[in-house]
PDB file of N, CA and C in Angstrom:
ATOM      1  N   MET A   1     152.785-103.808 -44.036  1.00  0.00           N
ATOM      2  CA  MET A   1     151.729-102.766 -43.663  1.00  0.00           C
ATOM      3  C   MET A   1     151.750-101.373 -44.415  1.00  0.00           C
ATOM      4  N   THR A   2     150.600-100.754 -44.706  1.00  0.00           N
ATOM      5  CA  THR A   2     150.567 -99.667 -45.004  1.00  0.00           C
ATOM      6  C   THR A   2     149.918 -98.723 -44.284  1.00  0.00           C
ATOM      7  N   GLN A   3     150.323 -97.209 -44.378  1.00  0.00           N
ATOM      8  CA  GLN A   3     149.987 -96.343 -43.494  1.00  0.00           C
ATOM      9  C   GLN A   3     149.171 -95.737 -44.208  1.00  0.00           C
ATOM     10  N   THR A   4     148.094 -95.063 -43.412  1.00  0.00           N
ATOM     11  CA  THR A   4     147.536 -94.122 -44.073  1.00  0.00           C
ATOM     12  C   THR A   4     147.542 -92.463 -43.792  1.00  0.00           C
ATOM     13  N   ALA A   5     147.232 -91.662 -44.474  1.00  0.00           N
ATOM     14  CA  ALA A   5     147.538 -90.464 -43.991  1.00  0.00           C
ATOM     15  C   ALA A   5     146.831 -89.869 -42.896  1.00  0.00           C
ATOM     16  N   PRO A   6     147.589 -89.127 -42.065  1.00  0.00           N
ATOM     17  CA  PRO A   6     146.951 -88.625 -40.834  1.00  0.00           C
ATOM     18  C   PRO A   6     145.499 -87.914 -41.066  1.00  0.00           C
ATOM     19  N   GLN A   7     144.253 -88.111 -40.237  1.00  0.00           N
ATOM     20  CA  GLN A   7     143.792 -87.382 -40.624  1.00  0.00           C
ATOM     21  C   GLN A   7     143.597 -85.647 -39.829  1.00  0.00           C
ATOM     22  N   ALA A   8     143.161 -84.766 -40.682  1.00  0.00           N
ATOM     23  CA  ALA A   8     143.303 -83.325 -39.817  1.00  0.00           C
ATOM     24  C   ALA A   8     142.591 -83.726 -38.486  1.00  0.00           C
ATOM     25  N   VAL A   9     142.902 -82.907 -37.479  1.00  0.00           N
ATOM     26  CA  VAL A   9     142.164 -82.708 -36.062  1.00  0.00           C
ATOM     27  C   VAL A   9     140.949 -81.764 -36.383  1.00  0.00           C
ATOM     28  N   LYS A  10     139.553 -82.476 -36.357  1.00  0.00           N
ATOM     29  CA  LYS A  10     138.420 -81.363 -36.143  1.00  0.00           C
ATOM     30  C   LYS A  10     138.242 -80.471 -35.003  1.00  0.00           C
ATOM     31  N   PRO A  11     137.881 -79.204 -35.143  1.00  0.00           N
ATOM     32  CA  PRO A  11     137.697 -78.162 -34.076  1.00  0.00           C
ATOM     33  C   PRO A  11     136.457 -78.970 -32.943  1.00  0.00           C
ATOM     34  N   ASN A  12     136.472 -78.662 -32.001  1.00  0.00           N
ATOM     35  CA  ASN A  12     135.627 -78.797 -30.963  1.00  0.00           C
ATOM     36  C   ASN A  12     134.826 -78.062 -30.218  1.00  0.00           C
ATOM     37  N   VAL A  13     133.602 -77.992 -30.095  1.00  0.00           N
ATOM     38  CA  VAL A  13     133.008 -76.893 -29.386  1.00  0.00           C
ATOM     39  C   VAL A  13     132.353 -77.552 -27.803  1.00  0.00           C
ATOM     40  N   THR A  14     132.569 -76.541 -26.800  1.00  0.00           N
ATOM     41  CA  THR A  14     132.070 -76.771 -25.677  1.00  0.00           C
ATOM     42  C   THR A  14     130.961 -75.806 -25.314  1.00  0.00           C
ATOM     43  N   ILE A  15     130.182 -76.190 -24.516  1.00  0.00           N
ATOM     44  CA  ILE A  15     128.885 -75.618 -24.065  1.00  0.00           C
ATOM     45  C   ILE A  15     128.987 -75.513 -22.733  1.00  0.00           C
ATOM     46  N   THR A  16     129.360 -74.345 -21.759  1.00  0.00           N
ATOM     47  CA  THR A  16     129.277 -74.604 -20.285  1.00  0.00           C
ATOM     48  C   THR A  16     127.886 -73.669 -20.101  1.00  0.00           C
ATOM     49  N   TYR A  17     127.133 -74.286 -18.953  1.00  0.00           N
ATOM     50  CA  TYR A  17     125.560 -73.833 -19.098  1.00  0.00           C
ATOM     51  C   TYR A  17     125.357 -74.050 -16.994  1.00  0.00           C
ATOM     52  N   CYS A  18     124.485 -73.109 -16.612  1.00  0.00           N
ATOM     53  CA  CYS A  18     124.354 -73.253 -15.612  1.00  0.00           C
ATOM     54  C   CYS A  18     123.279 -74.072 -15.032  1.00  0.00           C
ATOM     55  N   ILE A  19     123.847 -74.953 -14.156  1.00  0.00           N
ATOM     56  CA  ILE A  19     122.858 -75.922 -13.872  1.00  0.00           C
ATOM     57  C   ILE A  19     121.516 -75.551 -12.968  1.00  0.00           C
ATOM     58  N   GLY A  20     121.960 -74.532 -12.130  1.00  0.00           N
ATOM     59  CA  GLY A  20     120.712 -73.974 -11.234  1.00  0.00           C
ATOM     60  C   GLY A  20     119.929 -73.305 -11.875  1.00  0.00           C
ATOM     61  N   CYS A  21     120.214 -72.758 -13.333  1.00  0.00           N
ATOM     62  CA  CYS A  21     119.277 -72.068 -13.730  1.00  0.00           C
ATOM     63  C   CYS A  21     118.674 -72.996 -14.898  1.00  0.00           C
ATOM     64  N   ASN A  22     118.918 -74.061 -14.975  1.00  0.00           N
ATOM     65  CA  ASN A  22     118.306 -75.204 -15.778  1.00  0.00           C
ATOM     66  C   ASN A  22     118.529 -75.156 -17.088  1.00  0.00           C
ATOM     67  N   TRP A  23     119.441 -74.842 -17.631  1.00  0.00           N
ATOM     68  CA  TRP A  23     119.802 -74.517 -18.911  1.00  0.00           C
ATOM     69  C   TRP A  23     120.336 -75.802 -19.732  1.00  0.00           C
ATOM     70  N   LEU A  24     120.280 -77.060 -19.274  1.00  0.00           N
ATOM     71  CA  LEU A  24     120.839 -77.972 -20.012  1.00  0.00           C
ATOM     72  C   LEU A  24     119.945 -78.289 -21.452  1.00  0.00           C
ATOM     73  N   LEU A  25     118.592 -77.969 -21.279  1.00  0.00           N
ATOM     74  CA  LEU A  25     118.097 -78.266 -22.530  1.00  0.00           C
ATOM     75  C   LEU A  25     118.241 -77.362 -23.664  1.00  0.00           C
ATOM     76  N   ARG A  26     118.570 -75.963 -23.121  1.00  0.00           N
ATOM     77  CA  ARG A  26     118.989 -75.051 -24.283  1.00  0.00           C
ATOM     78  C   ARG A  26     120.249 -75.463 -24.716  1.00  0.00           C
ATOM     79  N   ALA A  27     121.041 -75.812 -23.706  1.00  0.00           N
ATOM     80  CA  ALA A  27     122.279 -76.366 -24.416  1.00  0.00           C
ATOM     81  C   ALA A  27     122.503 -77.440 -25.309  1.00  0.00           C
ATOM     82  N   GLY A  28     121.726 -78.268 -24.664  1.00  0.00           N
ATOM     83  CA  GLY A  28     121.618 -79.547 -25.657  1.00  0.00           C
ATOM     84  C   GLY A  28     121.136 -79.448 -27.240  1.00  0.00           C
ATOM     85  N   TRP A  29     119.907 -78.440 -27.372  1.00  0.00           N
ATOM     86  CA  TRP A  29     119.321 -78.129 -28.649  1.00  0.00           C
ATOM     87  C   TRP A  29     120.747 -77.326 -29.375  1.00  0.00           C
ATOM     88  N   MET A  30     121.444 -76.300 -28.588  1.00  0.00           N
ATOM     89  CA  MET A  30     122.037 -75.859 -29.735  1.00  0.00           C
ATOM     90  C   MET A  30     123.257 -76.720 -29.957  1.00  0.00           C
ATOM     91  N   ALA A  31     123.852 -77.765 -29.388  1.00  0.00           N
ATOM     92  CA  ALA A  31     124.935 -78.881 -29.629  1.00  0.00           C
ATOM     93  C   ALA A  31     123.993 -79.446 -30.603  1.00  0.00           C
ATOM     94  N   GLN A  32     122.833 -79.783 -30.699  1.00  0.00           N
ATOM     95  CA  GLN A  32     122.351 -80.746 -31.598  1.00  0.00           C
ATOM     96  C   GLN A  32     121.922 -79.962 -33.068  1.00  0.00           C
ATOM     97  N   GLU A  33     121.994 -78.443 -33.022  1.00  0.00           N
ATOM     98  CA  GLU A  33     121.730 -77.728 -34.221  1.00  0.00           C
ATOM     99  C   GLU A  33     123.127 -77.622 -34.681  1.00  0.00           C
ATOM    100  N   LEU A  34     124.407 -77.652 -34.110  1.00  0.00           N
ATOM    101  CA  LEU A  34     125.878 -77.288 -34.554  1.00  0.00           C
ATOM    102  C   LEU A  34     126.020 -78.735 -35.222  1.00  0.00           C
ATOM    103  N   LEU A  35     125.901 -80.037 -34.298  1.00  0.00           N
ATOM    104  CA  LEU A  35     126.176 -81.194 -35.046  1.00  0.00           C
ATOM    105  C   LEU A  35     125.476 -81.432 -36.489  1.00  0.00           C
ATOM    106  N   GLN A  36     124.019 -81.261 -36.566  1.00  0.00           N
ATOM    107  CA  GLN A  36     123.248 -81.528 -37.579  1.00  0.00           C
ATOM    108  C   GLN A  36     123.973 -80.585 -38.547  1.00  0.00           C
ATOM    109  N   THR A  37     124.196 -79.207 -38.257  1.00  0.00           N
ATOM    110  CA  THR A  37     124.675 -78.495 -39.806  1.00  0.00           C
ATOM    111  C   THR A  37     126.265 -78.602 -39.892  1.00  0.00           C
ATOM    112  N   PHE A  38     127.175 -78.926 -39.005  1.00  0.00           N
ATOM    113  CA  PHE A  38     128.608 -78.813 -39.316  1.00  0.00           C
ATOM    114  C   PHE A  38     128.640 -80.882 -39.203  1.00  0.00           C
ATOM    115  N   GLN A  39     128.293 -81.610 -39.072  1.00  0.00           N
ATOM    116  CA  GLN A  39     128.385 -82.687 -38.673  1.00  0.00           C
ATOM    117  C   GLN A  39     129.669 -83.600 -39.250  1.00  0.00           C
ATOM    118  N   ASP A  40     130.055 -83.118 -40.258  1.00  0.00           N
ATOM    119  CA  ASP A  40     131.702 -83.877 -40.759  1.00  0.00           C
ATOM    120  C   ASP A  40     132.781 -82.570 -40.561  1.00  0.00           C
ATOM    121  N   GLN A  41     132.539 -81.293 -40.017  1.00  0.00           N
ATOM    122  CA  GLN A  41     133.270 -80.551 -39.905  1.00  0.00           C
ATOM    123  C   GLN A  41     133.886 -80.541 -38.536  1.00  0.00           C
ATOM    124  N   LEU A  42     132.707 -80.915 -37.371  1.00  0.00           N
ATOM    125  CA  LEU A  42     133.313 -80.817 -36.005  1.00  0.00           C
ATOM    126  C   LEU A  42     133.781 -82.084 -35.383  1.00  0.00           C
ATOM    127  N   GLY A  43     134.788 -81.901 -34.513  1.00  0.00           N
ATOM    128  CA  GLY A  43     135.250 -83.313 -33.874  1.00  0.00           C
ATOM    129  C   GLY A  43     134.040 -83.933 -32.577  1.00  0.00           C
ATOM    130  N   GLY A  44     133.380 -82.677 -32.234  1.00  0.00           N
ATOM    131  CA  GLY A  44     132.752 -83.189 -31.268  1.00  0.00           C
ATOM    132  C   GLY A  44     131.858 -81.613 -30.564  1.00  0.00           C
ATOM    133  N   VAL A  45     130.552 -81.809 -29.881  1.00  0.00           N
ATOM    134  CA  VAL A  45     130.433 -80.758 -28.900  1.00  0.00           C
ATOM    135  C   VAL A  45     130.366 -81.272 -27.678  1.00  0.00           C
ATOM    136  N   THR A  46     130.624 -80.806 -26.730  1.00  0.00           N
ATOM    137  CA  THR A  46     130.579 -81.192 -25.181  1.00  0.00           C
ATOM    138  C   THR A  46     130.117 -80.122 -24.484  1.00  0.00           C
ATOM    139  N   LEU A  47     129.081 -80.898 -23.501  1.00  0.00           N
ATOM    140  CA  LEU A  47     128.198 -80.257 -22.462  1.00  0.00           C
ATOM    141  C   LEU A  47     128.762 -80.115 -21.104  1.00  0.00           C
ATOM    142  N   ILE A  48     129.143 -78.952 -20.460  1.00  0.00           N
ATOM    143  CA  ILE A  48     129.510 -78.806 -19.378  1.00  0.00           C
ATOM    144  C   ILE A  48     128.886 -78.252 -18.220  1.00  0.00           C
ATOM    145  N   PRO A  49     128.284 -79.052 -17.215  1.00  0.00           N
ATOM    146  CA  PRO A  49     127.777 -78.376 -16.457  1.00  0.00           C
ATOM    147  C   PRO A  49     128.265 -77.594 -15.620  1.00  0.00           C
ATOM    148  N   GLY A  50     127.972 -76.342 -15.345  1.00  0.00           N
ATOM    149  CA  GLY A  50     128.377 -75.334 -14.390  1.00  0.00           C
ATOM    150  C   GLY A  50     127.631 -74.919 -13.424  1.00  0.00           C
ATOM    151  N   ASP A  51     128.423 -74.633 -12.010  1.00  0.00           N
ATOM    152  CA  ASP A  51     127.565 -74.359 -11.049  1.00  0.00           C
ATOM    153  C   ASP A  51     127.702 -72.939 -10.556  1.00  0.00           C
ATOM    154  N   MET A  52     128.294 -71.909 -11.315  1.00  0.00           N
ATOM    155  CA  MET A  52     128.293 -70.500 -11.369  1.00  0.00           C
ATOM    156  C   MET A  52     127.168 -69.743 -11.772  1.00  0.00           C
ATOM    157  N   GLY A  53     126.930 -68.788 -11.148  1.00  0.00           N
ATOM    158  CA  GLY A  53     125.508 -68.347 -11.230  1.00  0.00           C
ATOM    159  C   GLY A  53     125.459 -67.913 -12.672  1.00  0.00           C
ATOM    160  N   GLY A  54     124.666 -68.331 -13.283  1.00  0.00           N
ATOM    161  CA  GLY A  54     124.253 -67.748 -14.799  1.00  0.00           C
ATOM    162  C   GLY A  54     125.352 -67.914 -15.936  1.00  0.00           C
ATOM    163  N   VAL A  55     126.191 -68.690 -15.586  1.00  0.00           N
ATOM    164  CA  VAL A  55     127.001 -68.949 -16.677  1.00  0.00           C
ATOM    165  C   VAL A  55     126.377 -69.939 -18.073  1.00  0.00           C
ATOM    166  N   PHE A  56     126.547 -68.936 -19.117  1.00  0.00           N
ATOM    167  CA  PHE A  56     126.804 -69.812 -20.511  1.00  0.00           C
ATOM    168  C   PHE A  56     127.390 -69.512 -21.525  1.00  0.00           C
ATOM    169  N   GLU A  57     128.488 -69.931 -21.554  1.00  0.00           N
ATOM    170  CA  GLU A  57     129.301 -70.130 -22.551  1.00  0.00           C
ATOM    171  C   GLU A  57     129.377 -71.146 -23.866  1.00  0.00           C
ATOM    172  N   ILE A  58     129.928 -70.469 -24.925  1.00  0.00           N
ATOM    173  CA  ILE A  58     130.398 -71.422 -26.147  1.00  0.00           C
ATOM    174  C   ILE A  58     131.419 -71.136 -26.568  1.00  0.00           C
ATOM    175  N   ARG A  59     132.438 -72.122 -26.357  1.00  0.00           N
ATOM    176  CA  ARG A  59     133.903 -71.873 -26.950  1.00  0.00           C
ATOM    177  C   ARG A  59     133.789 -73.140 -28.296  1.00  0.00           C
ATOM    178  N   LEU A  60     134.952 -72.699 -29.155  1.00  0.00           N
ATOM    179  CA  LEU A  60     135.399 -73.295 -30.144  1.00  0.00           C
ATOM    180  C   LEU A  60     136.764 -73.805 -29.968  1.00  0.00           C
ATOM    181  N   ASP A  61     137.380 -74.691 -29.811  1.00  0.00           N
ATOM    182  CA  ASP A  61     138.426 -75.026 -29.239  1.00  0.00           C
ATOM    183  C   ASP A  61     139.227 -73.896 -28.618  1.00  0.00           C
ATOM    184  N   GLY A  62     138.625 -73.814 -27.348  1.00  0.00           N
ATOM    185  CA  GLY A  62     138.914 -72.926 -26.183  1.00  0.00           C
ATOM    186  C   GLY A  62     138.690 -71.373 -26.532  1.00  0.00           C
ATOM    187  N   GLU A  63     138.529 -71.079 -27.570  1.00  0.00           N
ATOM    188  CA  GLU A  63     138.181 -69.275 -27.689  1.00  0.00           C
ATOM    189  C   GLU A  63     136.606 -69.304 -27.666  1.00  0.00           C
ATOM    190  N   LEU A  64     136.429 -68.536 -26.635  1.00  0.00           N
ATOM    191  CA  LEU A  64     135.060 -68.079 -26.353  1.00  0.00           C
ATOM    192  C   LEU A  64     134.321 -67.141 -27.563  1.00  0.00           C
ATOM    193  N   ILE A  65     133.462 -68.104 -28.038  1.00  0.00           N
ATOM    194  CA  ILE A  65     132.666 -67.394 -29.091  1.00  0.00           C
ATOM    195  C   ILE A  65     131.272 -66.690 -28.723  1.00  0.00           C
ATOM    196  N   TRP A  66     131.064 -67.290 -27.436  1.00  0.00           N
ATOM    197  CA  TRP A  66     129.485 -66.557 -27.052  1.00  0.00           C
ATOM    198  C   TRP A  66     129.654 -66.582 -25.312  1.00  0.00           C
ATOM    199  N   GLU A  67     129.247 -65.604 -25.072  1.00  0.00           N
ATOM    200  CA  GLU A  67     129.146 -65.629 -23.676  1.00  0.00           C
ATOM    201  C   GLU A  67     128.008 -64.599 -23.084  1.00  0.00           C
ATOM    202  N   ARG A  68     126.919 -65.241 -22.543  1.00  0.00           N
ATOM    203  CA  ARG A  68     125.538 -64.873 -22.139  1.00  0.00           C
ATOM    204  C   ARG A  68     125.605 -63.270 -21.615  1.00  0.00           C
ATOM    205  N   LYS A  69     126.470 -63.455 -20.569  1.00  0.00           N
ATOM    206  CA  LYS A  69     126.669 -61.828 -19.989  1.00  0.00           C
ATOM    207  C   LYS A  69     126.753 -60.770 -20.879  1.00  0.00           C
ATOM    208  N   ARG A  70     128.379 -61.156 -21.403  1.00  0.00           N
ATOM    209  CA  ARG A  70     128.823 -60.235 -22.189  1.00  0.00           C
ATOM    210  C   ARG A  70     128.335 -60.148 -23.568  1.00  0.00           C
ATOM    211  N   ASP A  71     127.580 -60.893 -24.118  1.00  0.00           N
ATOM    212  CA  ASP A  71     126.767 -60.588 -25.705  1.00  0.00           C
ATOM    213  C   ASP A  71     125.545 -60.655 -25.495  1.00  0.00           C
ATOM    214  N   GLY A  72     124.857 -60.270 -24.077  1.00  0.00           N
ATOM    215  CA  GLY A  72     123.537 -59.839 -23.940  1.00  0.00           C
ATOM    216  C   GLY A  72     122.451 -61.040 -24.270  1.00  0.00           C
ATOM    217  N   GLY A  73     122.584 -61.980 -23.482  1.00  0.00           N
ATOM    218  CA  GLY A  73     121.749 -63.349 -23.611  1.00  0.00           C
ATOM    219  C   GLY A  73     122.020 -64.151 -24.293  1.00  0.00           C
ATOM    220  N   PHE A  74     121.315 -65.194 -24.920  1.00  0.00           N
ATOM    221  CA  PHE A  74     121.445 -66.399 -25.498  1.00  0.00           C
ATOM    222  C   PHE A  74     121.668 -66.053 -27.005  1.00  0.00           C
ATOM    223  N   PRO A  75     122.223 -66.949 -27.696  1.00  0.00           N
ATOM    224  CA  PRO A  75     122.278 -66.568 -29.184  1.00  0.00           C
ATOM    225  C   PRO A  75     121.714 -67.202 -29.765  1.00  0.00           C
ATOM    226  N   ASP A  76     120.872 -66.738 -31.238  1.00  0.00           N
ATOM    227  CA  ASP A  76     119.789 -67.222 -31.492  1.00  0.00           C
ATOM    228  C   ASP A  76     120.722 -68.141 -32.692  1.00  0.00           C
ATOM    229  N   VAL A  77     119.886 -69.399 -33.223  1.00  0.00           N
ATOM    230  CA  VAL A  77     120.337 -70.380 -34.269  1.00  0.00           C
ATOM    231  C   VAL A  77     121.405 -69.603 -35.162  1.00  0.00           C
ATOM    232  N   LYS A  78     120.911 -68.675 -36.096  1.00  0.00           N
ATOM    233  CA  LYS A  78     121.463 -67.908 -36.991  1.00  0.00           C
ATOM    234  C   LYS A  78     122.882 -67.363 -36.471  1.00  0.00           C
ATOM    235  N   ALA A  79     122.705 -66.516 -35.368  1.00  0.00           N
ATOM    236  CA  ALA A  79     124.207 -66.155 -34.892  1.00  0.00           C
ATOM    237  C   ALA A  79     125.315 -67.351 -34.504  1.00  0.00           C
ATOM    238  N   LEU A  80     124.349 -68.446 -33.789  1.00  0.00           N
ATOM    239  CA  LEU A  80     125.503 -69.106 -33.239  1.00  0.00           C
ATOM    240  C   LEU A  80     126.341 -70.011 -34.807  1.00  0.00           C
ATOM    241  N   LYS A  81     125.579 -70.146 -35.426  1.00  0.00           N
ATOM    242  CA  LYS A  81     125.904 -71.157 -36.410  1.00  0.00           C
ATOM    243  C   LYS A  81     126.724 -70.147 -37.418  1.00  0.00           C
ATOM    244  N   THR A  82     126.978 -68.756 -37.391  1.00  0.00           N
ATOM    245  CA  THR A  82     127.397 -68.131 -38.234  1.00  0.00           C
ATOM    246  C   THR A  82     128.655 -67.792 -37.758  1.00  0.00           C
ATOM    247  N   ARG A  83     129.138 -67.769 -36.171  1.00  0.00           N
ATOM    248  CA  ARG A  83     129.980 -67.434 -35.333  1.00  0.00           C
ATOM    249  C   ARG A  83     130.665 -68.984 -35.689  1.00  0.00           C
ATOM    250  N   VAL A  84     130.375 -69.861 -35.646  1.00  0.00           N
ATOM    251  CA  VAL A  84     131.237 -71.328 -35.782  1.00  0.00           C
ATOM    252  C   VAL A  84     131.617 -71.275 -37.146  1.00  0.00           C
ATOM    253  N   ARG A  85     130.622 -71.266 -38.054  1.00  0.00           N
ATOM    254  CA  ARG A  85     131.159 -71.439 -39.517  1.00  0.00           C
ATOM    255  C   ARG A  85     132.074 -70.075 -40.123  1.00  0.00           C
ATOM    256  N   ASP A  86     132.209 -68.874 -39.190  1.00  0.00           N
ATOM    257  CA  ASP A  86     133.084 -68.159 -39.877  1.00  0.00           C
ATOM    258  C   ASP A  86     134.560 -68.358 -39.458  1.00  0.00           C
ATOM    259  N   ARG A  87     134.506 -69.059 -38.490  1.00  0.00           N
ATOM    260  CA  ARG A  87     136.068 -69.611 -38.111  1.00  0.00           C
ATOM    261  C   ARG A  87     136.207 -70.883 -38.457  1.00  0.00           C
ATOM    262  N   ILE A  88     135.394 -71.858 -38.613  1.00  0.00           N
ATOM    263  CA  ILE A  88     135.758 -73.362 -39.296  1.00  0.00           C
ATOM    264  C   ILE A  88     135.868 -73.239 -40.856  1.00  0.00           C
ATOM    265  N   ASP A  89     134.977 -72.752 -41.564  1.00  0.00           N
ATOM    266  CA  ASP A  89     134.989 -72.789 -42.766  1.00  0.00           C
ATOM    267  C   ASP A  89     134.405 -71.494 -43.507  1.00  0.00           C
ATOM    268  N   PRO A  90     134.793 -70.201 -43.489  1.00  0.00           N
ATOM    269  CA  PRO A  90     134.441 -69.082 -43.772  1.00  0.00           C
ATOM    270  C   PRO A  90     133.294 -68.906 -45.237  1.00  0.00           C
ATOM    271  N   HIS A  91     133.739 -69.656 -46.227  1.00  0.00           N
ATOM    272  CA  HIS A  91     133.299 -69.818 -47.506  1.00  0.00           C
ATOM    273  C   HIS A  91     131.861 -70.629 -47.452  1.00  0.00           C
ATOM    274  N   ARG A  92     131.932 -71.068 -46.428  1.00  0.00           N
ATOM    275  CA  ARG A  92     130.574 -72.106 -46.464  1.00  0.00           C
ATOM    276  C   ARG A  92     129.311 -71.473 -46.703  1.00  0.00           C
ATOM    277  N   ASP A  93     128.352 -71.491 -47.452  1.00  0.00           N
ATOM    278  CA  ASP A  93     126.841 -70.929 -47.537  1.00  0.00           C
ATOM    279  C   ASP A  93     125.878 -71.636 -46.568  1.00  0.00           C
ATOM    280  N   LEU A  94     125.598 -71.168 -45.568  1.00  0.00           N
ATOM    281  CA  LEU A  94     124.559 -71.664 -44.478  1.00  0.00           C
ATOM    282  C   LEU A  94     123.097 -71.905 -44.984  1.00  0.00           C
ATOM    283  N   GLY A  95     123.058 -71.897 -46.239  1.00  0.00           N
ATOM    284  CA  GLY A  95     121.847 -71.857 -46.919  1.00  0.00           C
ATOM    285  C   GLY A  95     120.523 -70.797 -46.748  1.00  0.00           C
ATOM    286  N   HIS A  96     119.497 -71.378 -46.009  1.00  0.00           N
ATOM    287  CA  HIS A  96     118.699 -69.930 -45.577  1.00  0.00           C
ATOM    288  C   HIS A  96     119.085 -69.182 -44.573  1.00  0.00           C
ATOM    289  N   LEU A  97     119.822 -69.360 -43.958  1.00  0.00           N
ATOM    290  CA  LEU A  97     120.403 -68.626 -42.731  1.00  0.00           C
ATOM    291  C   LEU A  97     121.211 -67.402 -43.162  1.00  0.00           C
ATOM    292  N   ASP A  98     121.811 -67.630 -44.512  1.00  0.00           N
ATOM    293  CA  ASP A  98     122.387 -66.754 -44.903  1.00  0.00           C
ATOM    294  C   ASP A  98     121.811 -65.579 -45.844  1.00  0.00           C
ATOM    295  N   ARG A  99     120.691 -65.890 -45.974  1.00  0.00           N
ATOM    296  CA  ARG A  99     119.949 -65.371 -46.632  1.00  0.00           C
ATOM    297  C   ARG A  99     118.842 -64.178 -45.992  1.00  0.00           C
ATOM    298  N   PRO A 100     118.757 -63.058 -46.664  1.00  0.00           N
ATOM    299  CA  PRO A 100     117.989 -61.747 -45.677  1.00  0.00           C
ATOM    300  C   PRO A 100     116.593 -62.138 -45.364  1.00  0.00           C
ATOM    301  N   ALA A 101     115.983 -61.990 -44.311  1.00  0.00           N
ATOM    302  CA  ALA A 101     114.984 -62.132 -43.855  1.00  0.00           C
ATOM    303  C   ALA A 101     114.034 -61.313 -44.528  1.00  0.00           C
ATOM    304  N   HIS A 102     112.764 -61.634 -45.236  1.00  0.00           N
ATOM    305  CA  HIS A 102     111.623 -60.644 -45.691  1.00  0.00           C
ATOM    306  C   HIS A 102     110.769 -60.165 -44.990  1.00  0.00           C
TER     307      HIS A 102
END
């Protein structure tokens, strides 16, 4: 019997969204953007329906990286991907997102 080397545990993202505010589509879109960009670097993205008024939190392995009330609204794609990238692969180039806008 041959043994294979253990695979490194990949980080997981959770997005908790307010069901009363109908933010499922926003949460799903952000999950899709993260999975598309970091498809071989993330272990998964989990959507968690929350019933707390206005909750929208994004966590990476339990660490809060975005909170709607604390951070002044929803993240744009650049801000979200940059925060995830800075924690899982700080040297990775995000292509056009890393270039200054003209």
